[in-house]
Amino acid sequence: MPKYVIEREIPGAGQLTPEELHGVADTSCQVLKHLGTDIQWLHSYVTDDKVYCVYIAPSEELIREHAKLGKFPANSISEVSSVIDPTTREPRPN
């Protein structure tokens, strides 16, 4: 199943309180429950004015539907083609 990174422009996101973040997460989870098991939220990174979310879904359209129903911005949606980390440089077994 494809993995996506969603960029959400939310001015002041980094100043949201734990209670406000709880509310955002709750809204997202309620919408996900409504949409069914084809879409999954893995995690999000909150910065000063943006939130970067990682989702698994069969299509970009389902990601957009989640954003619409949750009233979240989805300024950019990019499908992940590869994931690398420090272990990527290690030799592969033959």
N, C-alpha and C. Protein backbone atom coordinates (compact mmCIF):
# COMPACT_ATOMS: atom_id res chain seq x y z
N MET A 1 0.86 -1.18 0.00
CA MET A 1 0.00 0.00 0.00
C MET A 1 0.90 1.23 0.00
N PRO A 2 0.57 2.24 -0.80
CA PRO A 2 1.39 3.45 -0.85
C PRO A 2 1.43 4.20 0.48
N LYS A 3 2.56 4.86 0.69
CA LYS A 3 2.75 5.71 1.86
C LYS A 3 2.85 7.15 1.36
N TYR A 4 2.26 8.08 2.10
CA TYR A 4 2.23 9.49 1.71
C TYR A 4 2.73 10.38 2.84
N VAL A 5 3.34 11.50 2.44
CA VAL A 5 3.69 12.58 3.37
C VAL A 5 2.79 13.75 3.00
N ILE A 6 2.06 14.26 3.99
CA ILE A 6 1.15 15.38 3.77
C ILE A 6 1.70 16.58 4.51
N GLU A 7 1.83 17.69 3.79
CA GLU A 7 2.26 18.94 4.41
C GLU A 7 1.01 19.79 4.66
N ARG A 8 0.83 20.16 5.91
CA ARG A 8 -0.33 20.98 6.29
C ARG A 8 0.18 22.31 6.84
N GLU A 9 -0.16 23.40 6.17
CA GLU A 9 0.23 24.73 6.64
C GLU A 9 -0.79 25.17 7.70
N ILE A 10 -0.31 25.23 8.95
CA ILE A 10 -1.16 25.61 10.08
C ILE A 10 -0.38 26.64 10.90
N PRO A 11 -0.63 27.94 10.65
CA PRO A 11 0.09 28.96 11.40
C PRO A 11 -0.05 28.74 12.90
N GLY A 12 1.09 28.78 13.60
CA GLY A 12 1.10 28.61 15.05
C GLY A 12 0.99 27.16 15.51
N ALA A 13 1.14 26.21 14.61
CA ALA A 13 1.00 24.79 14.98
C ALA A 13 1.93 24.41 16.12
N GLY A 14 3.13 24.95 16.12
CA GLY A 14 4.10 24.62 17.16
C GLY A 14 3.73 25.14 18.53
N GLN A 15 2.75 26.04 18.60
CA GLN A 15 2.32 26.58 19.88
C GLN A 15 1.02 25.95 20.38
N LEU A 16 0.52 24.94 19.67
CA LEU A 16 -0.70 24.28 20.12
C LEU A 16 -0.45 23.59 21.47
N THR A 17 -1.40 23.67 22.34
CA THR A 17 -1.27 23.05 23.66
C THR A 17 -1.46 21.54 23.53
N PRO A 18 -1.04 20.79 24.53
CA PRO A 18 -1.31 19.34 24.51
C PRO A 18 -2.80 19.03 24.35
N GLU A 19 -3.66 19.82 24.96
CA GLU A 19 -5.10 19.61 24.84
C GLU A 19 -5.57 19.87 23.41
N GLU A 20 -5.03 20.90 22.76
CA GLU A 20 -5.40 21.19 21.38
C GLU A 20 -4.90 20.08 20.44
N LEU A 21 -3.69 19.61 20.68
CA LEU A 21 -3.16 18.50 19.87
C LEU A 21 -4.00 17.25 20.07
N HIS A 22 -4.44 17.01 21.29
CA HIS A 22 -5.33 15.88 21.58
C HIS A 22 -6.61 16.01 20.75
N GLY A 23 -7.16 17.20 20.68
CA GLY A 23 -8.38 17.43 19.91
C GLY A 23 -8.18 17.18 18.42
N VAL A 24 -7.05 17.64 17.90
CA VAL A 24 -6.74 17.41 16.48
C VAL A 24 -6.61 15.91 16.22
N ALA A 25 -5.88 15.22 17.08
CA ALA A 25 -5.70 13.77 16.91
C ALA A 25 -7.04 13.04 17.01
N ASP A 26 -7.88 13.46 17.93
CA ASP A 26 -9.18 12.83 18.09
C ASP A 26 -10.03 13.02 16.83
N THR A 27 -10.05 14.23 16.30
CA THR A 27 -10.80 14.50 15.07
C THR A 27 -10.30 13.62 13.94
N SER A 28 -8.97 13.56 13.79
CA SER A 28 -8.39 12.74 12.73
C SER A 28 -8.79 11.28 12.88
N CYS A 29 -8.71 10.76 14.08
CA CYS A 29 -9.04 9.35 14.32
C CYS A 29 -10.52 9.07 14.08
N GLN A 30 -11.39 10.01 14.42
CA GLN A 30 -12.82 9.83 14.15
C GLN A 30 -13.09 9.77 12.66
N VAL A 31 -12.43 10.62 11.88
CA VAL A 31 -12.60 10.61 10.43
C VAL A 31 -12.04 9.30 9.86
N LEU A 32 -10.89 8.87 10.36
CA LEU A 32 -10.32 7.61 9.90
C LEU A 32 -11.27 6.45 10.17
N LYS A 33 -11.88 6.44 11.32
CA LYS A 33 -12.84 5.38 11.67
C LYS A 33 -14.00 5.38 10.69
N HIS A 34 -14.46 6.57 10.32
CA HIS A 34 -15.56 6.71 9.36
C HIS A 34 -15.15 6.21 7.97
N LEU A 35 -13.90 6.46 7.58
CA LEU A 35 -13.43 6.09 6.24
C LEU A 35 -13.11 4.60 6.11
N GLY A 36 -12.88 3.91 7.21
CA GLY A 36 -12.62 2.48 7.15
C GLY A 36 -11.14 2.14 7.23
N THR A 37 -10.83 0.90 7.00
CA THR A 37 -9.49 0.39 7.25
C THR A 37 -8.50 0.59 6.10
N ASP A 38 -8.93 1.18 5.00
CA ASP A 38 -8.01 1.38 3.87
C ASP A 38 -7.01 2.50 4.09
N ILE A 39 -7.24 3.35 5.08
CA ILE A 39 -6.35 4.49 5.34
C ILE A 39 -5.87 4.42 6.79
N GLN A 40 -4.58 4.70 6.97
CA GLN A 40 -3.98 4.62 8.31
C GLN A 40 -3.04 5.80 8.52
N TRP A 41 -3.17 6.45 9.67
CA TRP A 41 -2.28 7.53 10.08
C TRP A 41 -1.15 6.90 10.89
N LEU A 42 0.10 7.13 10.46
CA LEU A 42 1.24 6.57 11.18
C LEU A 42 1.74 7.52 12.26
N HIS A 43 2.03 8.76 11.88
CA HIS A 43 2.49 9.77 12.84
C HIS A 43 2.60 11.12 12.14
N SER A 44 2.83 12.16 12.93
CA SER A 44 2.97 13.51 12.39
C SER A 44 4.10 14.23 13.11
N TYR A 45 4.70 15.18 12.39
CA TYR A 45 5.75 16.03 12.94
C TYR A 45 5.21 17.45 12.97
N VAL A 46 5.19 18.07 14.13
CA VAL A 46 4.68 19.43 14.29
C VAL A 46 5.86 20.38 14.34
N THR A 47 5.84 21.40 13.47
CA THR A 47 6.85 22.45 13.47
C THR A 47 6.16 23.78 13.75
N ASP A 48 6.89 24.87 13.67
CA ASP A 48 6.32 26.17 14.00
C ASP A 48 4.99 26.44 13.31
N ASP A 49 4.96 26.32 11.98
CA ASP A 49 3.78 26.69 11.21
C ASP A 49 3.30 25.60 10.25
N LYS A 50 3.79 24.38 10.44
CA LYS A 50 3.38 23.28 9.56
C LYS A 50 3.31 21.99 10.35
N VAL A 51 2.51 21.07 9.83
CA VAL A 51 2.45 19.71 10.35
C VAL A 51 2.68 18.79 9.18
N TYR A 52 3.61 17.86 9.34
CA TYR A 52 3.94 16.87 8.31
C TYR A 52 3.42 15.52 8.79
N CYS A 53 2.46 14.97 8.07
CA CYS A 53 1.81 13.73 8.47
C CYS A 53 2.20 12.60 7.53
N VAL A 54 2.34 11.40 8.09
CA VAL A 54 2.66 10.22 7.30
C VAL A 54 1.46 9.28 7.37
N TYR A 55 0.94 8.94 6.20
CA TYR A 55 -0.24 8.08 6.09
C TYR A 55 0.03 6.95 5.12
N ILE A 56 -0.68 5.86 5.31
CA ILE A 56 -0.74 4.77 4.34
C ILE A 56 -2.16 4.77 3.80
N ALA A 57 -2.28 4.76 2.47
CA ALA A 57 -3.61 4.77 1.85
C ALA A 57 -3.48 4.27 0.41
N PRO A 58 -4.57 3.77 -0.15
CA PRO A 58 -4.50 3.28 -1.52
C PRO A 58 -4.41 4.38 -2.57
N SER A 59 -4.78 5.62 -2.19
CA SER A 59 -4.79 6.70 -3.19
C SER A 59 -4.67 8.06 -2.53
N GLU A 60 -4.21 9.01 -3.31
CA GLU A 60 -4.16 10.41 -2.88
C GLU A 60 -5.58 10.94 -2.64
N GLU A 61 -6.53 10.46 -3.42
CA GLU A 61 -7.91 10.92 -3.29
C GLU A 61 -8.45 10.61 -1.88
N LEU A 62 -8.11 9.45 -1.33
CA LEU A 62 -8.58 9.11 0.02
C LEU A 62 -7.93 10.01 1.07
N ILE A 63 -6.67 10.38 0.85
CA ILE A 63 -5.99 11.34 1.73
C ILE A 63 -6.73 12.68 1.69
N ARG A 64 -7.09 13.11 0.48
CA ARG A 64 -7.82 14.39 0.34
C ARG A 64 -9.20 14.33 1.00
N GLU A 65 -9.86 13.19 0.90
CA GLU A 65 -11.17 13.02 1.53
C GLU A 65 -11.05 13.13 3.06
N HIS A 66 -9.99 12.53 3.62
CA HIS A 66 -9.75 12.64 5.06
C HIS A 66 -9.56 14.10 5.45
N ALA A 67 -8.76 14.83 4.67
CA ALA A 67 -8.52 16.25 4.96
C ALA A 67 -9.82 17.05 4.88
N LYS A 68 -10.62 16.78 3.86
CA LYS A 68 -11.89 17.50 3.69
C LYS A 68 -12.83 17.23 4.86
N LEU A 69 -13.01 15.96 5.21
CA LEU A 69 -13.93 15.63 6.29
C LEU A 69 -13.44 16.13 7.65
N GLY A 70 -12.13 16.13 7.86
CA GLY A 70 -11.58 16.60 9.13
C GLY A 70 -11.36 18.09 9.19
N LYS A 71 -11.58 18.75 8.04
CA LYS A 71 -11.36 20.20 7.92
C LYS A 71 -9.90 20.55 8.20
N PHE A 72 -8.99 19.67 7.69
CA PHE A 72 -7.55 19.89 7.79
C PHE A 72 -7.04 20.38 6.44
N PRO A 73 -6.07 21.30 6.42
CA PRO A 73 -5.46 21.63 5.14
C PRO A 73 -4.59 20.46 4.67
N ALA A 74 -4.48 20.31 3.38
CA ALA A 74 -3.56 19.34 2.78
C ALA A 74 -2.89 20.07 1.64
N ASN A 75 -1.94 20.94 1.98
CA ASN A 75 -1.31 21.81 1.01
C ASN A 75 -0.45 21.06 0.00
N SER A 76 0.11 19.95 0.44
CA SER A 76 0.95 19.14 -0.44
C SER A 76 0.82 17.68 -0.02
N ILE A 77 0.62 16.81 -1.01
CA ILE A 77 0.57 15.37 -0.75
C ILE A 77 1.58 14.72 -1.68
N SER A 78 2.54 14.01 -1.10
CA SER A 78 3.59 13.37 -1.90
C SER A 78 3.65 11.89 -1.56
N GLU A 79 3.64 11.07 -2.61
CA GLU A 79 3.80 9.63 -2.39
C GLU A 79 5.27 9.32 -2.13
N VAL A 80 5.54 8.52 -1.14
CA VAL A 80 6.90 8.15 -0.77
C VAL A 80 7.36 7.05 -1.73
N SER A 81 8.52 7.27 -2.36
CA SER A 81 9.05 6.26 -3.28
C SER A 81 10.07 5.36 -2.60
N SER A 82 10.78 5.89 -1.61
CA SER A 82 11.77 5.11 -0.87
C SER A 82 11.95 5.72 0.51
N VAL A 83 12.45 4.90 1.42
CA VAL A 83 12.80 5.37 2.76
C VAL A 83 14.26 5.00 2.97
N ILE A 84 15.04 5.98 3.40
CA ILE A 84 16.44 5.71 3.72
C ILE A 84 16.73 6.17 5.14
N ASP A 85 17.74 5.58 5.73
CA ASP A 85 18.20 5.95 7.06
C ASP A 85 19.68 5.56 7.14
N PRO A 86 20.33 5.74 8.27
CA PRO A 86 21.75 5.41 8.34
C PRO A 86 22.08 3.97 7.98
N THR A 87 21.16 3.05 8.19
CA THR A 87 21.45 1.66 7.85
C THR A 87 21.44 1.41 6.34
N THR A 88 20.94 2.36 5.56
CA THR A 88 20.91 2.20 4.11
C THR A 88 22.32 2.07 3.53
N ARG A 89 23.30 2.65 4.18
CA ARG A 89 24.68 2.59 3.68
C ARG A 89 25.38 1.27 3.99
N GLU A 90 24.78 0.46 4.85
CA GLU A 90 25.40 -0.81 5.20
C GLU A 90 25.38 -1.78 4.01
N PRO A 91 26.40 -2.60 3.89
CA PRO A 91 26.43 -3.55 2.78
C PRO A 91 25.23 -4.52 2.86
N ARG A 92 24.70 -4.82 1.70
CA ARG A 92 23.59 -5.78 1.63
C ARG A 92 24.16 -7.19 1.56
N PRO A 93 23.48 -8.13 2.21
CA PRO A 93 23.95 -9.53 2.15
C PRO A 93 23.84 -10.05 0.73
N ASN A 94 24.73 -10.93 0.38
CA ASN A 94 24.72 -11.52 -0.98
C ASN A 94 23.70 -12.62 -1.09
